Amino acid sequence: MNVQPSKKNPDAGVPLPFWLSGFARIRKAALTFTATAGVAVAAVALSYWYKQDALEVEARAQRARNDAHSRLTYAETEKEEIRRFQPAFLELRRKGLAGEERRLDWVESIRQIQEQRRLLPLTYQIDPQQPYRLEQPLPTGDYQLRGSRMKLHMDLLHEMDLFNFLADLRQRSYFAVQDCSLRRTATATPGVQSPALSGDCTLNWLTLTPQPAAPSVPLPGGGKRPALAVLGSAAAPAGSAP
C-alpha cells in the first residue's frame, strides 16, 4: 500500500516579521502617538502663525508710533519756527509786504509825506498788480511775489525833495525803484515857489501773496483800471487805487 505524502502550504512555514507580528500589541500606542504628533504639529503651526501675526501687529503699532512721533516733532518744529519768525512776519505785514496789496495805504502815505515835506504838486499812476520777476530767483515758499508798477512825476525845488520823498516812503512800505530821471525846468520866477527840476520815477510796489490754487495767466489790463492821482501842496489825492 503506497502512502502519498501530504502536500504542505509553502507559505505556512514562513515566519512573519517581528514588527508585523508585534504590531498588534503596539497598535493602540502607535495610533495614540500619531494623533499626538499631529496635534503637536498643528499646535506648533498655529503658535507660529499667532507669533507672526503678533509680530505684524507690533510692527504696525511701531510704525504708527513712529508716524505719530514724526508728526509731533514736525508740529513742534513748526511751532518753534512760528515763534521765531512771527515778529518779522508781523513787521512785514505792518509794512504791507505780506498779505493783500494796500493801495489805499500807499496813496495815504504819499499824501502824508507830500504834506509833511511841503512838496510841490505831484502825480502818479498805479498799474494793475502782476507777478513780479526778479533777475535772480528768490525762494518764497507758499507765497508769490507780485508787484504794482507806479509811474511818479514830481516837480522839485531841488533834487533832495525826491530823495527825501523816496526815503520816507521806504520807511512805510516795500517797493523797488526801477528807474528815475531828473530834468531841469525853465528858470524859476523870482519870489514865486516854482520848480527848478522835474523828476520821473518808476516804482514797483511789492507784495507777497499766497500762491493761487491754480496758476493763471494774467490778462492784459488785469480787469482793473490804473489809478491816477494829482496831489497839491495841501490837497487830498484826486484819485486812488481801485
C-alpha atoms as a PDB file:
ATOM      1  CA  MET A   1       0.000   0.000   0.000  1.00  0.00           C
ATOM      2  CA  ASN A   2       1.508   3.164  -1.144  1.00  0.00           C
ATOM      3  CA  VAL A   3       1.139   6.191   1.072  1.00  0.00           C
ATOM      4  CA  GLN A   4       1.320   9.563  -0.677  1.00  0.00           C
ATOM      5  CA  PRO A   5       2.985  12.269   1.341  1.00  0.00           C
ATOM      6  CA  SER A   6       0.660  15.232   2.015  1.00  0.00           C
ATOM      7  CA  LYS A   7       1.390  18.493   0.268  1.00  0.00           C
ATOM      8  CA  LYS A   8       2.282  21.364   2.594  1.00  0.00           C
ATOM      9  CA  ASN A   9       1.486  25.044   2.031  1.00  0.00           C
ATOM     10  CA  PRO A  10       4.800  26.661   1.113  1.00  0.00           C
ATOM     11  CA  ASP A  11       3.782  29.841   2.976  1.00  0.00           C
ATOM     12  CA  ALA A  12       2.803  28.074   6.124  1.00  0.00           C
ATOM     13  CA  GLY A  13       6.351  27.733   7.296  1.00  0.00           C
ATOM     14  CA  VAL A  14       7.434  31.409   6.594  1.00  0.00           C
ATOM     15  CA  PRO A  15       7.534  33.319   9.859  1.00  0.00           C
ATOM     16  CA  LEU A  16       6.047  36.871   9.961  1.00  0.00           C
ATOM     17  CA  PRO A  17       8.415  39.811  10.539  1.00  0.00           C
ATOM     18  CA  PHE A  18       8.845  40.759  14.145  1.00  0.00           C
ATOM     19  CA  TRP A  19       7.489  44.281  13.749  1.00  0.00           C
ATOM     20  CA  LEU A  20       4.437  42.959  11.930  1.00  0.00           C
ATOM     21  CA  SER A  21       3.734  40.182  14.354  1.00  0.00           C
ATOM     22  CA  GLY A  22       4.153  42.561  17.299  1.00  0.00           C
ATOM     23  CA  PHE A  23       2.232  45.460  15.737  1.00  0.00           C
ATOM     24  CA  ALA A  24      -0.996  44.232  17.195  1.00  0.00           C
ATOM     25  CA  ARG A  25       0.440  44.799  20.648  1.00  0.00           C
ATOM     26  CA  ILE A  26       1.626  48.381  19.897  1.00  0.00           C
ATOM     27  CA  ARG A  27      -1.157  49.336  17.540  1.00  0.00           C
ATOM     28  CA  LYS A  28      -3.006  51.393  20.110  1.00  0.00           C
ATOM     29  CA  ALA A  29       0.175  53.134  21.240  1.00  0.00           C
ATOM     30  CA  ALA A  30       1.155  53.865  17.621  1.00  0.00           C
ATOM     31  CA  LEU A  31      -2.214  55.390  16.869  1.00  0.00           C
ATOM     32  CA  THR A  32      -2.008  57.448  20.045  1.00  0.00           C
ATOM     33  CA  PHE A  33       1.494  58.626  19.098  1.00  0.00           C
ATOM     34  CA  THR A  34       0.379  59.529  15.572  1.00  0.00           C
ATOM     35  CA  ALA A  35      -2.576  61.514  16.848  1.00  0.00           C
ATOM     36  CA  THR A  36      -0.445  63.217  19.475  1.00  0.00           C
ATOM     37  CA  ALA A  37       2.222  64.086  16.887  1.00  0.00           C
ATOM     38  CA  GLY A  38      -0.437  65.510  14.560  1.00  0.00           C
ATOM     39  CA  VAL A  39      -1.882  67.624  17.343  1.00  0.00           C
ATOM     40  CA  ALA A  40       1.621  68.787  18.301  1.00  0.00           C
ATOM     41  CA  VAL A  41       2.468  69.752  14.716  1.00  0.00           C
ATOM     42  CA  ALA A  42      -0.835  71.619  14.395  1.00  0.00           C
ATOM     43  CA  ALA A  43      -0.183  73.382  17.699  1.00  0.00           C
ATOM     44  CA  VAL A  44       3.316  74.385  16.591  1.00  0.00           C
ATOM     45  CA  ALA A  45       2.000  75.671  13.251  1.00  0.00           C
ATOM     46  CA  LEU A  46      -0.800  77.558  14.983  1.00  0.00           C
ATOM     47  CA  SER A  47       1.573  79.081  17.523  1.00  0.00           C
ATOM     48  CA  TYR A  48       3.917  80.109  14.704  1.00  0.00           C
ATOM     49  CA  TRP A  49       1.021  81.768  12.874  1.00  0.00           C
ATOM     50  CA  TYR A  50      -0.031  83.580  16.047  1.00  0.00           C
ATOM     51  CA  LYS A  51       3.560  84.662  16.597  1.00  0.00           C
ATOM     52  CA  GLN A  52       3.855  86.065  13.056  1.00  0.00           C
ATOM     53  CA  ASP A  53       0.516  87.816  13.432  1.00  0.00           C
ATOM     54  CA  ALA A  54       1.624  89.304  16.750  1.00  0.00           C
ATOM     55  CA  LEU A  55       4.887  90.457  15.186  1.00  0.00           C
ATOM     56  CA  GLU A  56       2.974  92.094  12.347  1.00  0.00           C
ATOM     57  CA  VAL A  57       0.632  93.821  14.800  1.00  0.00           C
ATOM     58  CA  GLU A  58       3.647  95.003  16.784  1.00  0.00           C
ATOM     59  CA  ALA A  59       5.320  96.280  13.604  1.00  0.00           C
ATOM     60  CA  ARG A  60       2.169  98.196  12.628  1.00  0.00           C
ATOM     61  CA  ALA A  61       1.949  99.663  16.108  1.00  0.00           C
ATOM     62  CA  GLN A  62       5.622 100.669  15.940  1.00  0.00           C
ATOM     63  CA  ARG A  63       5.098 102.316  12.558  1.00  0.00           C
ATOM     64  CA  ALA A  64       2.063 104.163  13.896  1.00  0.00           C
ATOM     65  CA  ARG A  65       4.090 105.262  16.913  1.00  0.00           C
ATOM     66  CA  ASN A  66       6.930 106.442  14.669  1.00  0.00           C
ATOM     67  CA  ASP A  67       4.479 108.337  12.451  1.00  0.00           C
ATOM     68  CA  ALA A  68       2.891 109.976  15.476  1.00  0.00           C
ATOM     69  CA  HIS A  69       6.325 110.889  16.819  1.00  0.00           C
ATOM     70  CA  SER A  70       7.307 112.344  13.432  1.00  0.00           C
ATOM     71  CA  ARG A  71       4.109 114.408  13.297  1.00  0.00           C
ATOM     72  CA  LEU A  72       4.687 115.623  16.832  1.00  0.00           C
ATOM     73  CA  THR A  73       8.286 116.550  16.032  1.00  0.00           C
ATOM     74  CA  TYR A  74       7.165 118.346  12.865  1.00  0.00           C
ATOM     75  CA  ALA A  75       4.472 120.220  14.786  1.00  0.00           C
ATOM     76  CA  GLU A  76       6.969 121.235  17.471  1.00  0.00           C
ATOM     77  CA  THR A  77       9.411 122.388  14.790  1.00  0.00           C
ATOM     78  CA  GLU A  78       6.713 124.432  13.062  1.00  0.00           C
ATOM     79  CA  LYS A  79       5.654 125.892  16.400  1.00  0.00           C
ATOM     80  CA  GLU A  80       9.234 126.913  17.144  1.00  0.00           C
ATOM     81  CA  GLU A  81       9.652 128.422  13.666  1.00  0.00           C
ATOM     82  CA  ILE A  82       6.422 130.380  14.076  1.00  0.00           C
ATOM     83  CA  ARG A  83       7.598 131.654  17.453  1.00  0.00           C
ATOM     84  CA  ARG A  84      10.955 132.634  15.956  1.00  0.00           C
ATOM     85  CA  PHE A  85       9.750 134.276  12.742  1.00  0.00           C
ATOM     86  CA  GLN A  86       6.403 135.697  13.846  1.00  0.00           C
ATOM     87  CA  PRO A  87       7.799 139.121  14.858  1.00  0.00           C
ATOM     88  CA  ALA A  88       9.488 139.519  11.463  1.00  0.00           C
ATOM     89  CA  PHE A  89       6.339 138.356   9.665  1.00  0.00           C
ATOM     90  CA  LEU A  90       4.172 140.794  11.616  1.00  0.00           C
ATOM     91  CA  GLU A  91       6.587 143.573  10.687  1.00  0.00           C
ATOM     92  CA  LEU A  92       6.281 142.586   7.024  1.00  0.00           C
ATOM     93  CA  ARG A  93       2.500 142.674   7.354  1.00  0.00           C
ATOM     94  CA  ARG A  94       2.655 146.062   9.053  1.00  0.00           C
ATOM     95  CA  LYS A  95       4.668 147.480   6.171  1.00  0.00           C
ATOM     96  CA  GLY A  96       2.378 145.860   3.611  1.00  0.00           C
ATOM     97  CA  LEU A  97       4.765 143.310   2.106  1.00  0.00           C
ATOM     98  CA  ALA A  98       2.935 140.189   3.353  1.00  0.00           C
ATOM     99  CA  GLY A  99      -0.739 139.850   2.511  1.00  0.00           C
ATOM    100  CA  GLU A 100      -3.005 141.617   0.080  1.00  0.00           C
ATOM    101  CA  GLU A 101      -1.837 144.824  -1.551  1.00  0.00           C
ATOM    102  CA  ARG A 102      -2.738 148.063   0.233  1.00  0.00           C
ATOM    103  CA  ARG A 103      -3.224 150.657  -2.442  1.00  0.00           C
ATOM    104  CA  LEU A 104      -5.164 152.987  -0.190  1.00  0.00           C
ATOM    105  CA  ASP A 105      -2.328 152.867   2.340  1.00  0.00           C
ATOM    106  CA  TRP A 106       0.174 153.713  -0.407  1.00  0.00           C
ATOM    107  CA  VAL A 107      -1.930 156.670  -1.501  1.00  0.00           C
ATOM    108  CA  GLU A 108      -2.288 157.878   2.088  1.00  0.00           C
ATOM    109  CA  SER A 109       1.459 157.550   2.691  1.00  0.00           C
ATOM    110  CA  ILE A 110       2.209 159.609  -0.421  1.00  0.00           C
ATOM    111  CA  ARG A 111      -0.246 162.284   0.691  1.00  0.00           C
ATOM    112  CA  GLN A 112       1.173 162.476   4.221  1.00  0.00           C
ATOM    113  CA  ILE A 113       4.789 162.689   3.031  1.00  0.00           C
ATOM    114  CA  GLN A 114       3.847 165.342   0.491  1.00  0.00           C
ATOM    115  CA  GLU A 115       2.222 167.427   3.221  1.00  0.00           C
ATOM    116  CA  GLN A 116       4.959 166.910   5.807  1.00  0.00           C
ATOM    117  CA  ARG A 117       7.747 167.745   3.347  1.00  0.00           C
ATOM    118  CA  ARG A 118       5.762 170.620   1.828  1.00  0.00           C
ATOM    119  CA  LEU A 119       6.467 169.294  -1.623  1.00  0.00           C
ATOM    120  CA  LEU A 120       5.207 170.744  -4.845  1.00  0.00           C
ATOM    121  CA  PRO A 121       2.286 169.024  -6.605  1.00  0.00           C
ATOM    122  CA  LEU A 122       2.999 165.520  -7.833  1.00  0.00           C
ATOM    123  CA  THR A 123       1.160 162.988  -9.954  1.00  0.00           C
ATOM    124  CA  TYR A 124       1.239 159.214 -10.012  1.00  0.00           C
ATOM    125  CA  GLN A 125      -0.396 156.322 -11.796  1.00  0.00           C
ATOM    126  CA  ILE A 126      -0.624 152.788 -10.394  1.00  0.00           C
ATOM    127  CA  ASP A 127      -0.984 149.918 -12.856  1.00  0.00           C
ATOM    128  CA  PRO A 128      -2.746 146.604 -12.107  1.00  0.00           C
ATOM    129  CA  GLN A 129      -0.813 144.153  -9.982  1.00  0.00           C
ATOM    130  CA  GLN A 130       1.165 141.482 -11.842  1.00  0.00           C
ATOM    131  CA  PRO A 131       3.596 138.684 -10.883  1.00  0.00           C
ATOM    132  CA  TYR A 132       6.986 140.271 -10.248  1.00  0.00           C
ATOM    133  CA  ARG A 133      10.067 138.507 -11.594  1.00  0.00           C
ATOM    134  CA  LEU A 134      13.494 139.116 -10.149  1.00  0.00           C
ATOM    135  CA  GLU A 135      16.745 138.771 -12.047  1.00  0.00           C
ATOM    136  CA  GLN A 136      17.831 136.100  -9.565  1.00  0.00           C
ATOM    137  CA  PRO A 137      15.254 133.582  -8.255  1.00  0.00           C
ATOM    138  CA  LEU A 138      14.087 134.209  -4.709  1.00  0.00           C
ATOM    139  CA  PRO A 139      12.656 131.303  -2.662  1.00  0.00           C
ATOM    140  CA  THR A 140       9.271 132.469  -1.386  1.00  0.00           C
ATOM    141  CA  GLY A 141       7.771 129.141  -0.291  1.00  0.00           C
ATOM    142  CA  ASP A 142       3.978 129.138  -0.487  1.00  0.00           C
ATOM    143  CA  TYR A 143       3.907 132.819  -1.409  1.00  0.00           C
ATOM    144  CA  GLN A 144       4.156 134.603  -4.731  1.00  0.00           C
ATOM    145  CA  LEU A 145       5.951 137.906  -5.206  1.00  0.00           C
ATOM    146  CA  ARG A 146       3.733 140.402  -7.021  1.00  0.00           C
ATOM    147  CA  GLY A 147       4.303 143.999  -7.984  1.00  0.00           C
ATOM    148  CA  SER A 148       2.181 147.015  -8.848  1.00  0.00           C
ATOM    149  CA  ARG A 149       4.026 149.447 -11.098  1.00  0.00           C
ATOM    150  CA  MET A 150       3.651 153.128 -10.300  1.00  0.00           C
ATOM    151  CA  LYS A 151       4.757 155.956 -12.567  1.00  0.00           C
ATOM    152  CA  LEU A 152       5.564 159.011 -10.472  1.00  0.00           C
ATOM    153  CA  HIS A 153       6.093 162.595 -11.637  1.00  0.00           C
ATOM    154  CA  MET A 154       7.292 165.273  -9.216  1.00  0.00           C
ATOM    155  CA  ASP A 155       8.043 168.961  -9.538  1.00  0.00           C
ATOM    156  CA  LEU A 156      11.065 169.693  -7.346  1.00  0.00           C
ATOM    157  CA  LEU A 157      12.672 172.731  -5.810  1.00  0.00           C
ATOM    158  CA  HIS A 158      15.882 170.702  -5.585  1.00  0.00           C
ATOM    159  CA  GLU A 159      16.935 167.075  -6.004  1.00  0.00           C
ATOM    160  CA  MET A 160      16.764 166.330  -2.259  1.00  0.00           C
ATOM    161  CA  ASP A 161      12.986 166.613  -2.444  1.00  0.00           C
ATOM    162  CA  LEU A 162      12.937 163.418  -4.487  1.00  0.00           C
ATOM    163  CA  PHE A 163      15.497 161.598  -2.340  1.00  0.00           C
ATOM    164  CA  ASN A 164      13.731 162.540   0.900  1.00  0.00           C
ATOM    165  CA  PHE A 165      10.379 161.521  -0.547  1.00  0.00           C
ATOM    166  CA  LEU A 166      11.652 158.067  -1.510  1.00  0.00           C
ATOM    167  CA  ALA A 167      13.416 157.619   1.840  1.00  0.00           C
ATOM    168  CA  ASP A 168      10.257 158.474   3.786  1.00  0.00           C
ATOM    169  CA  LEU A 169       8.174 156.236   1.569  1.00  0.00           C
ATOM    170  CA  ARG A 170      10.550 153.324   2.085  1.00  0.00           C
ATOM    171  CA  GLN A 171      10.006 153.556   5.846  1.00  0.00           C
ATOM    172  CA  ARG A 172       6.315 152.839   5.358  1.00  0.00           C
ATOM    173  CA  SER A 173       6.223 150.181   2.655  1.00  0.00           C
ATOM    174  CA  TYR A 174       8.264 147.977   0.355  1.00  0.00           C
ATOM    175  CA  PHE A 175       8.979 148.953  -3.212  1.00  0.00           C
ATOM    176  CA  ALA A 176      11.731 148.650  -5.807  1.00  0.00           C
ATOM    177  CA  VAL A 177      12.900 151.642  -7.826  1.00  0.00           C
ATOM    178  CA  GLN A 178      13.016 150.592 -11.460  1.00  0.00           C
ATOM    179  CA  ASP A 179      14.325 153.875 -12.848  1.00  0.00           C
ATOM    180  CA  CYS A 180      14.433 157.599 -12.097  1.00  0.00           C
ATOM    181  CA  SER A 181      15.351 160.659 -14.119  1.00  0.00           C
ATOM    182  CA  LEU A 182      15.811 164.352 -13.275  1.00  0.00           C
ATOM    183  CA  ARG A 183      15.460 167.259 -15.687  1.00  0.00           C
ATOM    184  CA  ARG A 184      15.944 170.972 -15.258  1.00  0.00           C
ATOM    185  CA  THR A 185      12.916 173.111 -15.885  1.00  0.00           C
ATOM    186  CA  ALA A 186      12.610 176.710 -17.027  1.00  0.00           C
ATOM    187  CA  THR A 187      14.276 179.417 -14.954  1.00  0.00           C
ATOM    188  CA  ALA A 188      12.396 179.937 -11.702  1.00  0.00           C
ATOM    189  CA  THR A 189      10.416 183.168 -11.356  1.00  0.00           C
ATOM    190  CA  PRO A 190      11.804 185.395  -8.561  1.00  0.00           C
ATOM    191  CA  GLY A 191       9.574 185.470  -5.467  1.00  0.00           C
ATOM    192  CA  VAL A 192       7.472 182.542  -6.654  1.00  0.00           C
ATOM    193  CA  GLN A 193       7.896 178.957  -5.419  1.00  0.00           C
ATOM    194  CA  SER A 194       8.358 177.379  -8.804  1.00  0.00           C
ATOM    195  CA  PRO A 195      10.054 174.067  -9.627  1.00  0.00           C
ATOM    196  CA  ALA A 196      13.684 174.070 -10.655  1.00  0.00           C
ATOM    197  CA  LEU A 197      13.663 170.349 -11.503  1.00  0.00           C
ATOM    198  CA  SER A 198      11.211 167.671 -12.518  1.00  0.00           C
ATOM    199  CA  GLY A 199      11.615 164.030 -11.600  1.00  0.00           C
ATOM    200  CA  ASP A 200      10.082 160.938 -13.156  1.00  0.00           C
ATOM    201  CA  CYS A 201      10.372 157.560 -11.445  1.00  0.00           C
ATOM    202  CA  THR A 202       9.000 154.092 -11.977  1.00  0.00           C
ATOM    203  CA  LEU A 203       8.403 152.215  -8.733  1.00  0.00           C
ATOM    204  CA  ASN A 204       7.231 148.652  -8.181  1.00  0.00           C
ATOM    205  CA  TRP A 205       5.178 148.193  -5.026  1.00  0.00           C
ATOM    206  CA  LEU A 206       5.947 144.677  -3.796  1.00  0.00           C
ATOM    207  CA  THR A 207       3.548 142.270  -2.111  1.00  0.00           C
ATOM    208  CA  LEU A 208       3.877 138.636  -1.044  1.00  0.00           C
ATOM    209  CA  THR A 209       0.546 136.879  -1.512  1.00  0.00           C
ATOM    210  CA  PRO A 210      -0.353 133.180  -1.081  1.00  0.00           C
ATOM    211  CA  GLN A 211       0.135 131.088  -4.179  1.00  0.00           C
ATOM    212  CA  PRO A 212      -3.097 130.684  -6.171  1.00  0.00           C
ATOM    213  CA  ALA A 213      -4.689 127.255  -6.201  1.00  0.00           C
ATOM    214  CA  ALA A 214      -4.351 127.036  -9.975  1.00  0.00           C
ATOM    215  CA  PRO A 215      -1.833 129.150 -11.900  1.00  0.00           C
ATOM    216  CA  SER A 216      -3.439 131.635 -14.216  1.00  0.00           C
ATOM    217  CA  VAL A 217      -2.002 133.805 -16.944  1.00  0.00           C
ATOM    218  CA  PRO A 218      -2.584 137.487 -16.169  1.00  0.00           C
ATOM    219  CA  LEU A 219      -4.742 139.122 -18.800  1.00  0.00           C
ATOM    220  CA  PRO A 220      -3.808 142.441 -20.392  1.00  0.00           C
ATOM    221  CA  GLY A 221      -5.261 145.120 -18.180  1.00  0.00           C
ATOM    222  CA  GLY A 222      -5.892 142.567 -15.422  1.00  0.00           C
ATOM    223  CA  GLY A 223      -9.533 143.605 -15.176  1.00  0.00           C
ATOM    224  CA  LYS A 224      -8.503 146.717 -13.230  1.00  0.00           C
ATOM    225  CA  ARG A 225      -8.140 150.304 -14.190  1.00  0.00           C
ATOM    226  CA  PRO A 226      -4.963 152.180 -13.245  1.00  0.00           C
ATOM    227  CA  ALA A 227      -5.262 154.759 -10.507  1.00  0.00           C
ATOM    228  CA  LEU A 228      -4.409 158.302 -11.433  1.00  0.00           C
ATOM    229  CA  ALA A 229      -3.939 160.975  -8.811  1.00  0.00           C
ATOM    230  CA  VAL A 230      -2.692 164.530  -8.575  1.00  0.00           C
ATOM    231  CA  LEU A 231      -1.566 165.896  -5.226  1.00  0.00           C
ATOM    232  CA  GLY A 232      -1.312 169.575  -4.437  1.00  0.00           C
ATOM    233  CA  SER A 233       0.705 171.100  -1.654  1.00  0.00           C
ATOM    234  CA  ALA A 234      -2.179 170.616   0.799  1.00  0.00           C
ATOM    235  CA  ALA A 235      -4.721 168.696  -1.250  1.00  0.00           C
ATOM    236  CA  ALA A 236      -6.047 165.176  -0.827  1.00  0.00           C
ATOM    237  CA  PRO A 237      -5.465 162.705  -3.670  1.00  0.00           C
ATOM    238  CA  ALA A 238      -7.700 163.283  -6.614  1.00  0.00           C
ATOM    239  CA  GLY A 239      -7.744 159.572  -7.367  1.00  0.00           C
ATOM    240  CA  SER A 240      -6.835 156.345  -5.662  1.00  0.00           C
ATOM    241  CA  ALA A 241      -6.343 152.745  -6.467  1.00  0.00           C
ATOM    242  CA  PRO A 242      -9.460 150.863  -7.454  1.00  0.00           C
END
